[in-house]
C-alpha atoms as a PDB file:
ATOM      1  CA  MET A   1      53.176 -19.736 -56.429  1.00  0.00           C
ATOM      2  CA  ASP A   2      50.927 -19.184 -53.417  1.00  0.00           C
ATOM      3  CA  PHE A   3      48.728 -21.763 -51.715  1.00  0.00           C
ATOM      4  CA  ASN A   4      46.107 -21.118 -49.051  1.00  0.00           C
ATOM      5  CA  ILE A   5      45.626 -24.495 -47.437  1.00  0.00           C
ATOM      6  CA  THR A   6      43.630 -24.287 -44.197  1.00  0.00           C
ATOM      7  CA  VAL A   7      45.342 -26.326 -41.516  1.00  0.00           C
ATOM      8  CA  GLU A   8      45.430 -26.617 -37.757  1.00  0.00           C
ATOM      9  CA  ARG A   9      48.430 -24.656 -36.506  1.00  0.00           C
ATOM     10  CA  PRO A  10      50.411 -25.254 -33.304  1.00  0.00           C
ATOM     11  CA  GLU A  11      49.298 -23.186 -30.311  1.00  0.00           C
ATOM     12  CA  GLY A  12      52.350 -20.955 -30.399  1.00  0.00           C
ATOM     13  CA  GLY A  13      51.286 -19.286 -33.652  1.00  0.00           C
ATOM     14  CA  PRO A  14      51.252 -19.961 -37.382  1.00  0.00           C
ATOM     15  CA  ASN A  15      55.005 -20.464 -37.602  1.00  0.00           C
ATOM     16  CA  SER A  16      55.787 -22.164 -34.291  1.00  0.00           C
ATOM     17  CA  GLY A  17      56.672 -25.756 -33.561  1.00  0.00           C
ATOM     18  CA  PRO A  18      58.203 -28.279 -35.932  1.00  0.00           C
ATOM     19  CA  ILE A  19      56.966 -28.891 -39.442  1.00  0.00           C
ATOM     20  CA  THR A  20      55.408 -32.340 -39.597  1.00  0.00           C
ATOM     21  CA  VAL A  21      55.930 -34.312 -42.796  1.00  0.00           C
ATOM     22  CA  GLY A  22      54.309 -37.681 -43.289  1.00  0.00           C
ATOM     23  CA  TRP A  23      55.722 -40.503 -45.363  1.00  0.00           C
ATOM     24  CA  PHE A  24      53.966 -43.615 -46.611  1.00  0.00           C
ATOM     25  CA  LEU A  25      54.211 -46.290 -49.270  1.00  0.00           C
ATOM     26  CA  THR A  26      51.679 -46.097 -52.065  1.00  0.00           C
ATOM     27  CA  SER A  27      51.411 -49.895 -52.093  1.00  0.00           C
ATOM     28  CA  ASP A  28      51.827 -52.636 -49.504  1.00  0.00           C
ATOM     29  CA  LYS A  29      53.373 -54.933 -52.121  1.00  0.00           C
ATOM     30  CA  GLY A  30      56.861 -55.859 -50.938  1.00  0.00           C
ATOM     31  CA  ALA A  31      56.669 -53.200 -48.208  1.00  0.00           C
ATOM     32  CA  VAL A  32      59.211 -55.064 -46.069  1.00  0.00           C
ATOM     33  CA  MET A  33      61.926 -54.166 -48.621  1.00  0.00           C
ATOM     34  CA  TYR A  34      61.546 -50.424 -48.146  1.00  0.00           C
ATOM     35  CA  ASP A  35      63.288 -48.888 -45.138  1.00  0.00           C
ATOM     36  CA  PRO A  36      61.829 -45.797 -43.459  1.00  0.00           C
ATOM     37  CA  PRO A  37      63.454 -42.472 -44.421  1.00  0.00           C
ATOM     38  CA  GLU A  38      66.262 -41.582 -42.025  1.00  0.00           C
ATOM     39  CA  ARG A  39      67.537 -38.216 -40.884  1.00  0.00           C
ATOM     40  CA  VAL A  40      71.086 -37.780 -42.137  1.00  0.00           C
ATOM     41  CA  SER A  41      73.337 -37.810 -39.115  1.00  0.00           C
ATOM     42  CA  PHE A  42      76.943 -38.873 -38.667  1.00  0.00           C
ATOM     43  CA  ARG A  43      76.801 -39.613 -34.949  1.00  0.00           C
ATOM     44  CA  GLN A  44      79.889 -41.820 -34.677  1.00  0.00           C
ATOM     45  CA  THR A  45      82.304 -39.055 -35.621  1.00  0.00           C
ATOM     46  CA  ASN A  46      85.057 -37.453 -33.567  1.00  0.00           C
ATOM     47  CA  LYS A  47      83.559 -34.944 -31.128  1.00  0.00           C
ATOM     48  CA  VAL A  48      86.361 -34.876 -28.567  1.00  0.00           C
ATOM     49  CA  HIS A  49      88.024 -31.739 -29.868  1.00  0.00           C
ATOM     50  CA  ALA A  50      86.014 -28.529 -29.461  1.00  0.00           C
ATOM     51  CA  LYS A  51      86.799 -27.556 -33.045  1.00  0.00           C
ATOM     52  CA  SER A  52      85.956 -30.905 -34.648  1.00  0.00           C
ATOM     53  CA  ALA A  53      83.488 -30.875 -37.527  1.00  0.00           C
ATOM     54  CA  GLY A  54      81.274 -33.255 -35.554  1.00  0.00           C
ATOM     55  CA  ARG A  55      80.574 -30.452 -33.046  1.00  0.00           C
ATOM     56  CA  CYS A  56      80.225 -27.617 -35.555  1.00  0.00           C
ATOM     57  CA  PRO A  57      76.695 -26.092 -35.327  1.00  0.00           C
ATOM     58  CA  GLY A  58      76.748 -25.340 -39.040  1.00  0.00           C
ATOM     59  CA  VAL A  59      77.539 -28.955 -39.935  1.00  0.00           C
ATOM     60  CA  ILE A  60      74.921 -30.273 -37.510  1.00  0.00           C
ATOM     61  CA  GLN A  61      72.305 -27.872 -38.912  1.00  0.00           C
ATOM     62  CA  LEU A  62      73.066 -28.965 -42.458  1.00  0.00           C
ATOM     63  CA  GLU A  63      72.891 -32.689 -41.718  1.00  0.00           C
ATOM     64  CA  SER A  64      69.673 -32.372 -39.724  1.00  0.00           C
ATOM     65  CA  ARG A  65      67.823 -30.866 -42.688  1.00  0.00           C
ATOM     66  CA  TYR A  66      68.222 -33.871 -44.972  1.00  0.00           C
ATOM     67  CA  PHE A  67      66.445 -37.211 -44.874  1.00  0.00           C
ATOM     68  CA  MET A  68      67.900 -40.242 -46.619  1.00  0.00           C
ATOM     69  CA  VAL A  69      66.150 -42.980 -48.562  1.00  0.00           C
ATOM     70  CA  ARG A  70      68.073 -46.219 -48.977  1.00  0.00           C
ATOM     71  CA  CYS A  71      68.165 -48.340 -52.109  1.00  0.00           C
ATOM     72  CA  PRO A  72      65.797 -51.338 -51.791  1.00  0.00           C
ATOM     73  CA  PHE A  73      67.392 -53.439 -54.550  1.00  0.00           C
ATOM     74  CA  ASP A  74      70.654 -54.925 -55.763  1.00  0.00           C
ATOM     75  CA  ILE A  75      70.898 -53.925 -59.433  1.00  0.00           C
ATOM     76  CA  HIS A  76      73.725 -54.213 -61.963  1.00  0.00           C
ATOM     77  CA  ILE A  77      72.801 -53.023 -65.436  1.00  0.00           C
ATOM     78  CA  GLY A  78      74.565 -52.001 -68.601  1.00  0.00           C
ATOM     79  CA  PHE A  79      73.492 -50.054 -71.658  1.00  0.00           C
ATOM     80  CA  GLY A  80      73.373 -51.383 -75.192  1.00  0.00           C
ATOM     81  CA  ARG A  81      71.464 -51.451 -78.453  1.00  0.00           C
ATOM     82  CA  ASP A  82      69.682 -54.328 -80.116  1.00  0.00           C
ATOM     83  CA  ASP A  83      70.121 -55.434 -83.743  1.00  0.00           C
ATOM     84  CA  LYS A  84      67.707 -52.694 -84.833  1.00  0.00           C
ATOM     85  CA  GLY A  85      69.623 -49.983 -82.997  1.00  0.00           C
ATOM     86  CA  LYS A  86      67.064 -49.585 -80.239  1.00  0.00           C
ATOM     87  CA  ALA A  87      68.435 -48.598 -76.830  1.00  0.00           C
ATOM     88  CA  VAL A  88      68.100 -51.391 -74.250  1.00  0.00           C
ATOM     89  CA  LEU A  89      69.120 -52.212 -70.695  1.00  0.00           C
ATOM     90  CA  ILE A  90      71.319 -55.258 -70.107  1.00  0.00           C
ATOM     91  CA  ASN A  91      71.071 -57.205 -66.865  1.00  0.00           C
ATOM     92  CA  ARG A  92      74.776 -57.719 -66.142  1.00  0.00           C
ATOM     93  CA  ALA A  93      74.074 -59.831 -63.064  1.00  0.00           C
ATOM     94  CA  GLY A  94      72.341 -62.438 -65.219  1.00  0.00           C
ATOM     95  CA  THR A  95      71.198 -65.493 -63.316  1.00  0.00           C
ATOM     96  CA  ALA A  96      73.004 -64.198 -60.208  1.00  0.00           C
ATOM     97  CA  SER A  97      70.671 -61.204 -60.036  1.00  0.00           C
ATOM     98  CA  PRO A  98      68.524 -61.120 -56.859  1.00  0.00           C
ATOM     99  CA  ILE A  99      65.719 -59.712 -59.043  1.00  0.00           C
ATOM    100  CA  ARG A 100      64.167 -62.098 -61.526  1.00  0.00           C
ATOM    101  CA  ALA A 101      64.687 -61.034 -65.134  1.00  0.00           C
ATOM    102  CA  ASN A 102      60.959 -60.657 -65.748  1.00  0.00           C
ATOM    103  CA  LYS A 103      60.657 -58.383 -62.674  1.00  0.00           C
ATOM    104  CA  LEU A 104      63.635 -56.112 -63.332  1.00  0.00           C
ATOM    105  CA  GLY A 105      61.696 -54.195 -65.973  1.00  0.00           C
ATOM    106  CA  GLU A 106      58.992 -53.432 -63.415  1.00  0.00           C
ATOM    107  CA  VAL A 107      61.380 -51.442 -61.238  1.00  0.00           C
ATOM    108  CA  MET A 108      64.042 -50.159 -63.644  1.00  0.00           C
ATOM    109  CA  THR A 109      63.056 -48.663 -66.994  1.00  0.00           C
ATOM    110  CA  LEU A 110      64.862 -46.915 -69.815  1.00  0.00           C
ATOM    111  CA  VAL A 111      63.173 -43.657 -70.773  1.00  0.00           C
ATOM    112  CA  ASN A 112      62.130 -43.319 -74.415  1.00  0.00           C
ATOM    113  CA  GLU A 113      65.123 -42.039 -76.357  1.00  0.00           C
ATOM    114  CA  ALA A 114      63.133 -39.094 -77.734  1.00  0.00           C
ATOM    115  CA  GLU A 115      62.750 -37.813 -74.156  1.00  0.00           C
ATOM    116  CA  TRP A 116      66.450 -37.799 -73.221  1.00  0.00           C
ATOM    117  CA  ARG A 117      67.821 -34.332 -72.474  1.00  0.00           C
ATOM    118  CA  TYR A 118      70.970 -35.122 -74.475  1.00  0.00           C
ATOM    119  CA  PRO A 119      71.198 -37.628 -77.343  1.00  0.00           C
ATOM    120  CA  ASP A 120      74.269 -39.325 -75.860  1.00  0.00           C
ATOM    121  CA  ARG A 121      73.006 -39.552 -72.259  1.00  0.00           C
ATOM    122  CA  PRO A 122      70.377 -42.241 -71.659  1.00  0.00           C
ATOM    123  CA  THR A 123      67.907 -41.663 -68.831  1.00  0.00           C
ATOM    124  CA  VAL A 124      66.790 -44.498 -66.563  1.00  0.00           C
ATOM    125  CA  GLN A 125      64.138 -44.496 -63.860  1.00  0.00           C
ATOM    126  CA  LEU A 126      63.841 -46.624 -60.738  1.00  0.00           C
ATOM    127  CA  ALA A 127      60.221 -46.812 -59.609  1.00  0.00           C
ATOM    128  CA  LEU A 128      59.665 -46.374 -55.873  1.00  0.00           C
ATOM    129  CA  PRO A 129      56.542 -46.323 -53.680  1.00  0.00           C
ATOM    130  CA  TYR A 130      57.756 -43.561 -51.323  1.00  0.00           C
ATOM    131  CA  CYS A 131      55.374 -40.631 -50.985  1.00  0.00           C
ATOM    132  CA  PHE A 132      55.437 -37.591 -48.668  1.00  0.00           C
ATOM    133  CA  ILE A 133      52.570 -35.401 -47.463  1.00  0.00           C
ATOM    134  CA  ALA A 134      52.069 -32.329 -45.259  1.00  0.00           C
ATOM    135  CA  ASP A 135      49.090 -30.295 -44.050  1.00  0.00           C
ATOM    136  CA  GLU A 136      50.796 -26.952 -44.475  1.00  0.00           C
ATOM    137  CA  LEU A 137      52.850 -25.494 -47.316  1.00  0.00           C
ATOM    138  CA  VAL A 138      55.964 -27.661 -47.586  1.00  0.00           C
ATOM    139  CA  TYR A 139      58.246 -28.159 -50.569  1.00  0.00           C
ATOM    140  CA  ILE A 140      60.342 -31.270 -51.051  1.00  0.00           C
ATOM    141  CA  THR A 141      63.668 -31.157 -52.862  1.00  0.00           C
ATOM    142  CA  GLN A 142      65.050 -34.484 -54.031  1.00  0.00           C
ATOM    143  CA  LEU A 143      68.814 -34.583 -54.584  1.00  0.00           C
ATOM    144  CA  SER A 144      71.762 -36.942 -54.632  1.00  0.00           C
ATOM    145  CA  ALA A 145      73.238 -38.416 -51.444  1.00  0.00           C
ATOM    146  CA  PHE A 146      76.173 -36.023 -51.644  1.00  0.00           C
ATOM    147  CA  MET A 147      77.365 -36.448 -48.042  1.00  0.00           C
ATOM    148  CA  HIS A 148      77.820 -40.211 -48.425  1.00  0.00           C
ATOM    149  CA  TYR A 149      80.999 -41.337 -50.176  1.00  0.00           C
ATOM    150  CA  ARG A 150      80.802 -44.006 -52.860  1.00  0.00           C
ATOM    151  CA  LYS A 151      84.018 -45.914 -53.524  1.00  0.00           C
ATOM    152  CA  GLU A 152      82.713 -46.688 -57.007  1.00  0.00           C
ATOM    153  CA  GLN A 153      81.117 -43.535 -58.353  1.00  0.00           C
ATOM    154  CA  LEU A 154      77.988 -43.755 -60.472  1.00  0.00           C
ATOM    155  CA  PRO A 155      78.550 -42.952 -64.172  1.00  0.00           C
ATOM    156  CA  GLY A 156      76.229 -39.965 -64.218  1.00  0.00           C
ATOM    157  CA  THR A 157      73.974 -37.750 -62.137  1.00  0.00           C
ATOM    158  CA  ILE A 158      70.498 -38.063 -60.691  1.00  0.00           C
ATOM    159  CA  PHE A 159      67.629 -35.810 -61.679  1.00  0.00           C
ATOM    160  CA  GLY A 160      66.650 -33.668 -58.739  1.00  0.00           C
ATOM    161  CA  GLY A 161      63.273 -32.024 -58.347  1.00  0.00           C
ATOM    162  CA  ARG A 162      61.276 -29.643 -56.168  1.00  0.00           C
ATOM    163  CA  PHE A 163      57.511 -29.472 -55.677  1.00  0.00           C
ATOM    164  CA  PRO A 164      54.946 -28.837 -52.900  1.00  0.00           C
ATOM    165  CA  ILE A 165      53.959 -32.064 -51.151  1.00  0.00           C
ATOM    166  CA  SER A 166      51.131 -30.228 -49.404  1.00  0.00           C
ATOM    167  CA  VAL A 167      49.126 -30.124 -52.654  1.00  0.00           C
ATOM    168  CA  TRP A 168      50.989 -32.517 -54.915  1.00  0.00           C
ATOM    169  CA  PRO A 169      51.922 -35.727 -53.068  1.00  0.00           C
ATOM    170  CA  ARG A 170      53.254 -38.176 -55.623  1.00  0.00           C
ATOM    171  CA  PRO A 171      55.423 -41.294 -55.567  1.00  0.00           C
ATOM    172  CA  LEU A 172      59.094 -40.466 -55.933  1.00  0.00           C
ATOM    173  CA  MET A 173      61.368 -42.167 -58.377  1.00  0.00           C
ATOM    174  CA  TRP A 174      65.110 -42.287 -58.793  1.00  0.00           C
ATOM    175  CA  ALA A 175      65.828 -40.803 -62.216  1.00  0.00           C
ATOM    176  CA  PHE A 176      69.383 -41.025 -63.519  1.00  0.00           C
ATOM    177  CA  GLU A 177      71.132 -39.371 -66.454  1.00  0.00           C
ATOM    178  CA  TRP A 178      73.782 -41.778 -67.740  1.00  0.00           C
ATOM    179  CA  HIS A 179      76.742 -39.582 -68.743  1.00  0.00           C
ATOM    180  CA  GLU A 180      79.016 -42.562 -69.418  1.00  0.00           C
ATOM    181  CA  PRO A 181      76.779 -45.317 -70.812  1.00  0.00           C
ATOM    182  CA  GLU A 182      79.824 -47.463 -71.509  1.00  0.00           C
ATOM    183  CA  LYS A 183      80.093 -47.896 -67.723  1.00  0.00           C
ATOM    184  CA  ASP A 184      77.608 -49.992 -65.762  1.00  0.00           C
ATOM    185  CA  ILE A 185      75.196 -48.741 -63.114  1.00  0.00           C
ATOM    186  CA  ILE A 186      75.642 -50.696 -59.881  1.00  0.00           C
ATOM    187  CA  LEU A 187      73.184 -50.116 -57.049  1.00  0.00           C
ATOM    188  CA  LYS A 188      73.339 -52.031 -53.796  1.00  0.00           C
ATOM    189  CA  ARG A 189      70.532 -52.648 -51.371  1.00  0.00           C
ATOM    190  CA  GLY A 190      70.912 -50.559 -48.216  1.00  0.00           C
ATOM    191  CA  GLU A 191      73.142 -47.909 -49.738  1.00  0.00           C
ATOM    192  CA  PRO A 192      71.978 -44.269 -49.700  1.00  0.00           C
ATOM    193  CA  LEU A 193      69.947 -43.689 -52.877  1.00  0.00           C
ATOM    194  CA  PHE A 194      68.937 -40.028 -52.498  1.00  0.00           C
ATOM    195  CA  TYR A 195      68.197 -37.277 -49.984  1.00  0.00           C
ATOM    196  CA  ALA A 196      64.981 -35.355 -49.402  1.00  0.00           C
ATOM    197  CA  GLN A 197      64.992 -31.831 -47.999  1.00  0.00           C
ATOM    198  CA  PHE A 198      61.808 -30.162 -46.751  1.00  0.00           C
ATOM    199  CA  GLU A 199      61.159 -26.406 -46.698  1.00  0.00           C
ATOM    200  CA  GLY A 200      58.293 -24.614 -45.026  1.00  0.00           C
ATOM    201  CA  GLU A 201      57.434 -20.926 -44.956  1.00  0.00           C
ATOM    202  CA  GLY A 202      60.570 -20.103 -42.999  1.00  0.00           C
ATOM    203  CA  PRO A 203      64.036 -21.599 -42.511  1.00  0.00           C
ATOM    204  CA  ASP A 204      63.964 -21.568 -38.702  1.00  0.00           C
ATOM    205  CA  ARG A 205      61.465 -24.371 -37.996  1.00  0.00           C
ATOM    206  CA  PRO A 206      62.798 -27.923 -37.597  1.00  0.00           C
ATOM    207  CA  VAL A 207      61.251 -30.805 -39.539  1.00  0.00           C
ATOM    208  CA  GLN A 208      59.971 -34.070 -38.145  1.00  0.00           C
ATOM    209  CA  VAL A 209      59.103 -36.962 -40.464  1.00  0.00           C
ATOM    210  CA  VAL A 210      56.498 -39.477 -39.277  1.00  0.00           C
ATOM    211  CA  GLU A 211      54.887 -42.479 -40.910  1.00  0.00           C
ATOM    212  CA  ALA A 212      51.417 -41.595 -42.175  1.00  0.00           C
ATOM    213  CA  GLU A 213      48.242 -43.617 -42.499  1.00  0.00           C
ATOM    214  CA  ARG A 214      47.026 -44.222 -46.025  1.00  0.00           C
ATOM    215  CA  THR A 215      43.533 -43.049 -45.158  1.00  0.00           C
ATOM    216  CA  PRO A 216      40.568 -43.264 -47.580  1.00  0.00           C
ATOM    217  CA  GLU A 217      40.672 -39.474 -47.973  1.00  0.00           C
ATOM    218  CA  LEU A 218      44.361 -39.563 -48.851  1.00  0.00           C
ATOM    219  CA  GLN A 219      43.902 -42.478 -51.230  1.00  0.00           C
ATOM    220  CA  THR A 220      41.072 -40.705 -53.035  1.00  0.00           C
ATOM    221  CA  TYR A 221      43.122 -37.520 -53.387  1.00  0.00           C
ATOM    222  CA  LEU A 222      46.093 -39.469 -54.793  1.00  0.00           C
ATOM    223  CA  GLU A 223      43.816 -41.001 -57.404  1.00  0.00           C
ATOM    224  CA  GLN A 224      42.395 -37.593 -58.330  1.00  0.00           C
ATOM    225  CA  ILE A 225      45.820 -36.122 -59.087  1.00  0.00           C
ATOM    226  CA  GLY A 226      47.630 -39.296 -60.137  1.00  0.00           C
ATOM    227  CA  GLY A 227      48.798 -40.045 -63.655  1.00  0.00           C
ATOM    228  CA  VAL A 228      48.079 -36.583 -65.089  1.00  0.00           C
ATOM    229  CA  VAL A 229      51.692 -36.257 -66.245  1.00  0.00           C
ATOM    230  CA  ASN A 230      50.790 -38.693 -69.027  1.00  0.00           C
ATOM    231  CA  TYR A 231      48.144 -36.328 -70.380  1.00  0.00           C
ATOM    232  CA  VAL A 232      49.179 -32.770 -69.471  1.00  0.00           C
ATOM    233  CA  ASN A 233      52.412 -30.840 -69.875  1.00  0.00           C
ATOM    234  CA  GLN A 234      53.439 -28.410 -67.137  1.00  0.00           C
ATOM    235  CA  THR A 235      51.569 -30.182 -64.325  1.00  0.00           C
ATOM    236  CA  PHE A 236      52.396 -27.290 -61.959  1.00  0.00           C
ATOM    237  CA  SER A 237      49.547 -25.445 -63.697  1.00  0.00           C
ATOM    238  CA  LEU A 238      47.161 -27.894 -62.010  1.00  0.00           C
ATOM    239  CA  PHE A 239      48.146 -26.973 -58.449  1.00  0.00           C
ATOM    240  CA  LYS A 240      45.277 -24.517 -57.985  1.00  0.00           C
ATOM    241  CA  ALA A 241      42.767 -27.089 -59.219  1.00  0.00           C
ATOM    242  CA  ALA A 242      44.280 -29.692 -56.905  1.00  0.00           C
ATOM    243  CA  GLU A 243      44.107 -27.291 -53.962  1.00  0.00           C
ATOM    244  CA  ALA A 244      40.398 -26.733 -54.641  1.00  0.00           C
ATOM    245  CA  ILE A 245      39.562 -30.434 -54.171  1.00  0.00           C
ATOM    246  CA  ARG A 246      42.097 -31.136 -51.441  1.00  0.00           C
ATOM    247  CA  PRO A 247      40.625 -32.258 -48.098  1.00  0.00           C
ATOM    248  CA  LYS A 248      41.491 -30.015 -45.152  1.00  0.00           C
ATOM    249  CA  ARG A 249      43.475 -32.823 -43.530  1.00  0.00           C
ATOM    250  CA  LEU A 250      45.528 -35.490 -45.294  1.00  0.00           C
ATOM    251  CA  LEU A 251      48.228 -36.304 -42.751  1.00  0.00           C
ATOM    252  CA  THR A 252      47.242 -38.765 -40.036  1.00  0.00           C
ATOM    253  CA  PRO A 253      50.266 -40.132 -38.135  1.00  0.00           C
ATOM    254  CA  LYS A 254      50.295 -43.916 -38.033  1.00  0.00           C
ATOM    255  CA  GLN A 255      49.616 -45.389 -34.619  1.00  0.00           C
ATOM    256  CA  ARG A 256      51.900 -48.242 -33.614  1.00  0.00           C
ATOM    257  CA  GLU A 257      50.534 -50.948 -31.359  1.00  0.00           C
END
């Protein structure tokens, strides 16, 4: 699918210089809990030997292309069914949970059973305020934190996804397909939650991620394209319409005092 967004290009030509991706939170509520995305990099590894993996250009190239988002919450949930057979989430942490019981449902939800991909694999979603934007054609791919080892593996797999943030900036969520619902899901604050990879028109340009201002123009555009998934199937069909109303510039790097 082609997009013809008019943007200001670096002086070296249309494909020179780094790709700039902006990140921001869609709400200031509880913003202190959400760490900035981090470039995946294992700097404290053995680099003494010339043949060590820590000095391998291929390994370094791979790591540099992923950005990590950390989990903002401590969550311990189980799966069950109520006396009517309805699927429910169980807060295993109980009164020891850092999240109040009446707030847990605001961040972690169980997808309607009719929408599960498989009848024996519940799907849960963790709502997040992270959003990414770019002023040239850039696709984001969301995937699991596969380079970080978990001593206790999660009982399922995350839903990945790929879409153009240049025309379709939207809040990300952590969606999880529960392959073994008899086992609990345990998430810990600060642990890697997922990776984001960004692709431009070519594989040779590096990516820099900067914090972006939530400008009035950006806020208006988010409202114009927001929530349509509740009313329209195949939202990718709306990309051309979104491009037509998109302001020329959406990414304004945040200035720190």
